[in-house]
Amino acid sequence: MAVDDESYERIEELTDFAPIREAVRQAMGSMSLKLALALLLRVGLELPYDEVARRLRCLESTARVRVARGLARLTQRLEVQT
């Protein structure tokens, strides 16, 4: 089922992600650039691992490790803040 733009904007208004967004921004800023970029590419832009690896100029296995480590650190930092 598709959601039209107006409905999507209303959903965004009803779900205030501002506090979460700031916590994620801070957590991302506290990790290494390599981990943060891997997370941004894989989770933020939803790129497949082979594309993440290509953009980071590393092996796909390395990209997977960076994403996993980044997610672990993000989870840890967000748990501490809540």
Protein backbone atom coordinates (compact mmCIF):
# COMPACT_ATOMS: atom_id res chain seq x y z
CA MET A 1 0.00 0.00 0.00
CA ALA A 2 1.44 3.34 -1.03
CA VAL A 3 1.40 6.38 1.22
CA ASP A 4 0.80 9.73 -0.44
CA ASP A 5 2.99 12.73 0.39
CA GLU A 6 0.37 14.43 2.53
CA SER A 7 -0.16 11.31 4.65
CA TYR A 8 3.57 10.82 5.00
CA GLU A 9 4.03 14.40 6.23
CA ARG A 10 1.22 13.89 8.75
CA ILE A 11 2.84 10.71 10.03
CA GLU A 12 6.10 12.61 10.47
CA GLU A 13 4.27 15.31 12.43
CA LEU A 14 2.67 12.75 14.72
CA THR A 15 5.90 10.90 15.39
CA ASP A 16 8.41 13.32 16.80
CA PHE A 17 11.80 11.90 15.88
CA ALA A 18 13.72 15.04 16.89
CA PRO A 19 15.05 13.62 20.20
CA ILE A 20 16.02 10.35 18.55
CA ARG A 21 17.57 12.13 15.58
CA GLU A 22 19.79 14.22 17.89
CA ALA A 23 20.84 11.16 19.90
CA VAL A 24 21.75 9.30 16.70
CA ARG A 25 23.65 12.33 15.37
CA GLN A 26 25.68 12.53 18.56
CA ALA A 27 26.34 8.80 18.62
CA MET A 28 27.43 8.83 14.97
CA GLY A 29 29.69 11.79 15.66
CA SER A 30 31.41 9.93 18.46
CA MET A 31 32.51 6.98 16.30
CA SER A 32 35.26 6.75 13.73
CA LEU A 33 34.62 8.17 10.29
CA LYS A 34 34.99 4.71 8.73
CA LEU A 35 32.23 3.25 10.89
CA ALA A 36 29.96 6.27 10.53
CA LEU A 37 30.30 6.29 6.73
CA ALA A 38 29.63 2.56 6.52
CA LEU A 39 26.46 3.02 8.59
CA LEU A 40 25.33 6.01 6.56
CA LEU A 41 25.76 4.16 3.30
CA ARG A 42 24.20 0.88 4.41
CA VAL A 43 21.46 2.02 6.80
CA GLY A 44 20.88 5.63 5.82
CA LEU A 45 21.04 5.21 2.05
CA GLU A 46 20.07 1.51 2.08
CA LEU A 47 22.87 0.56 -0.30
CA PRO A 48 23.80 -3.10 -0.71
CA TYR A 49 27.06 -4.23 0.88
CA ASP A 50 28.88 -4.53 -2.44
CA GLU A 51 28.11 -0.87 -3.17
CA VAL A 52 29.13 0.18 0.34
CA ALA A 53 32.42 -1.63 -0.18
CA ARG A 54 32.94 -0.01 -3.58
CA ARG A 55 32.34 3.48 -2.20
CA LEU A 56 34.57 2.87 0.81
CA ARG A 57 37.22 1.22 -1.38
CA CYS A 58 37.40 -1.89 0.74
CA LEU A 59 36.42 -5.54 0.58
CA GLU A 60 32.76 -6.41 1.03
CA SER A 61 33.66 -8.40 4.14
CA THR A 62 35.34 -5.29 5.57
CA ALA A 63 32.24 -3.22 4.82
CA ARG A 64 30.10 -5.79 6.63
CA VAL A 65 32.37 -5.69 9.67
CA ARG A 66 32.31 -1.89 9.74
CA VAL A 67 28.52 -1.81 9.57
CA ALA A 68 28.22 -4.44 12.30
CA ARG A 69 30.64 -2.60 14.57
CA GLY A 70 28.96 0.71 13.86
CA LEU A 71 25.54 -0.71 14.70
CA ALA A 72 26.90 -2.21 17.91
CA ARG A 73 28.41 1.11 18.97
CA LEU A 74 25.30 3.02 17.98
CA THR A 75 23.15 0.62 20.00
CA GLN A 76 25.47 0.89 23.00
CA ARG A 77 25.49 4.69 22.95
CA LEU A 78 21.74 4.97 22.49
CA GLU A 79 21.11 2.54 25.37
CA VAL A 80 23.29 4.66 27.65
CA GLN A 81 21.31 7.81 26.78
CA THR A 82 17.90 6.33 27.52
